Amino acid sequence: MSHPVYSIEMAYARMRELQDLANRSRAEVAAARRGVKKARGTKKR
């Protein structure tokens, strides 16, 4: 065969990779938003 065999395992691994990336970026955005809120508020330290 000239085209590579694309197994369900490969598709699943890729899906997990994209899911992890999405979760990481979403967490970074949430952390950045919390950081902005904390920076705007009064610092108690």
C-alpha atoms as a PDB file:
ATOM      1  CA  MET A   1       0.000   0.000   0.000  1.00  0.00           C
ATOM      2  CA  SER A   2       1.247   3.492  -0.830  1.00  0.00           C
ATOM      3  CA  HIS A   3      -0.777   5.281   1.875  1.00  0.00           C
ATOM      4  CA  PRO A   4       0.135   4.764   5.542  1.00  0.00           C
ATOM      5  CA  VAL A   5      -2.207   2.700   7.686  1.00  0.00           C
ATOM      6  CA  TYR A   6      -4.003   4.984  10.114  1.00  0.00           C
ATOM      7  CA  SER A   7      -5.175   2.870  13.025  1.00  0.00           C
ATOM      8  CA  ILE A   8      -7.805   3.719  15.617  1.00  0.00           C
ATOM      9  CA  GLU A   9      -4.995   3.754  18.182  1.00  0.00           C
ATOM     10  CA  MET A  10      -3.207   6.503  16.234  1.00  0.00           C
ATOM     11  CA  ALA A  11      -6.409   8.495  15.909  1.00  0.00           C
ATOM     12  CA  TYR A  12      -7.108   8.072  19.637  1.00  0.00           C
ATOM     13  CA  ALA A  13      -3.566   9.133  20.589  1.00  0.00           C
ATOM     14  CA  ARG A  14      -3.877  12.240  18.401  1.00  0.00           C
ATOM     15  CA  MET A  15      -7.269  13.050  19.903  1.00  0.00           C
ATOM     16  CA  ARG A  16      -5.841  12.781  23.426  1.00  0.00           C
ATOM     17  CA  GLU A  17      -2.911  14.993  22.402  1.00  0.00           C
ATOM     18  CA  LEU A  18      -5.250  17.700  21.105  1.00  0.00           C
ATOM     19  CA  GLN A  19      -7.471  17.345  24.172  1.00  0.00           C
ATOM     20  CA  ASP A  20      -4.493  17.801  26.526  1.00  0.00           C
ATOM     21  CA  LEU A  21      -3.370  20.843  24.538  1.00  0.00           C
ATOM     22  CA  ALA A  22      -6.876  22.346  24.697  1.00  0.00           C
ATOM     23  CA  ASN A  23      -7.127  21.713  28.439  1.00  0.00           C
ATOM     24  CA  ARG A  24      -3.699  23.255  29.030  1.00  0.00           C
ATOM     25  CA  SER A  25      -4.474  26.405  27.026  1.00  0.00           C
ATOM     26  CA  ARG A  26      -7.884  26.712  28.730  1.00  0.00           C
ATOM     27  CA  ALA A  27      -6.202  26.424  32.141  1.00  0.00           C
ATOM     28  CA  GLU A  28      -3.643  29.072  31.146  1.00  0.00           C
ATOM     29  CA  VAL A  29      -6.422  31.449  30.061  1.00  0.00           C
ATOM     30  CA  ALA A  30      -8.309  30.853  33.328  1.00  0.00           C
ATOM     31  CA  ALA A  31      -5.114  31.414  35.353  1.00  0.00           C
ATOM     32  CA  ALA A  32      -4.382  34.583  33.395  1.00  0.00           C
ATOM     33  CA  ARG A  33      -7.916  35.854  34.056  1.00  0.00           C
ATOM     34  CA  ARG A  34      -7.553  35.095  37.776  1.00  0.00           C
ATOM     35  CA  GLY A  35      -4.188  36.865  37.728  1.00  0.00           C
ATOM     36  CA  VAL A  36      -5.771  39.942  36.152  1.00  0.00           C
ATOM     37  CA  LYS A  37      -8.562  39.938  38.734  1.00  0.00           C
ATOM     38  CA  LYS A  38      -6.044  39.613  41.572  1.00  0.00           C
ATOM     39  CA  ALA A  39      -3.848  42.343  40.096  1.00  0.00           C
ATOM     40  CA  ARG A  40      -6.828  44.713  39.847  1.00  0.00           C
ATOM     41  CA  GLY A  41      -7.934  44.040  43.429  1.00  0.00           C
ATOM     42  CA  THR A  42      -6.214  45.319  46.529  1.00  0.00           C
ATOM     43  CA  LYS A  43      -3.212  43.287  47.603  1.00  0.00           C
ATOM     44  CA  LYS A  44      -3.408  42.050  51.197  1.00  0.00           C
ATOM     45  CA  ARG A  45       0.262  40.999  51.391  1.00  0.00           C
END
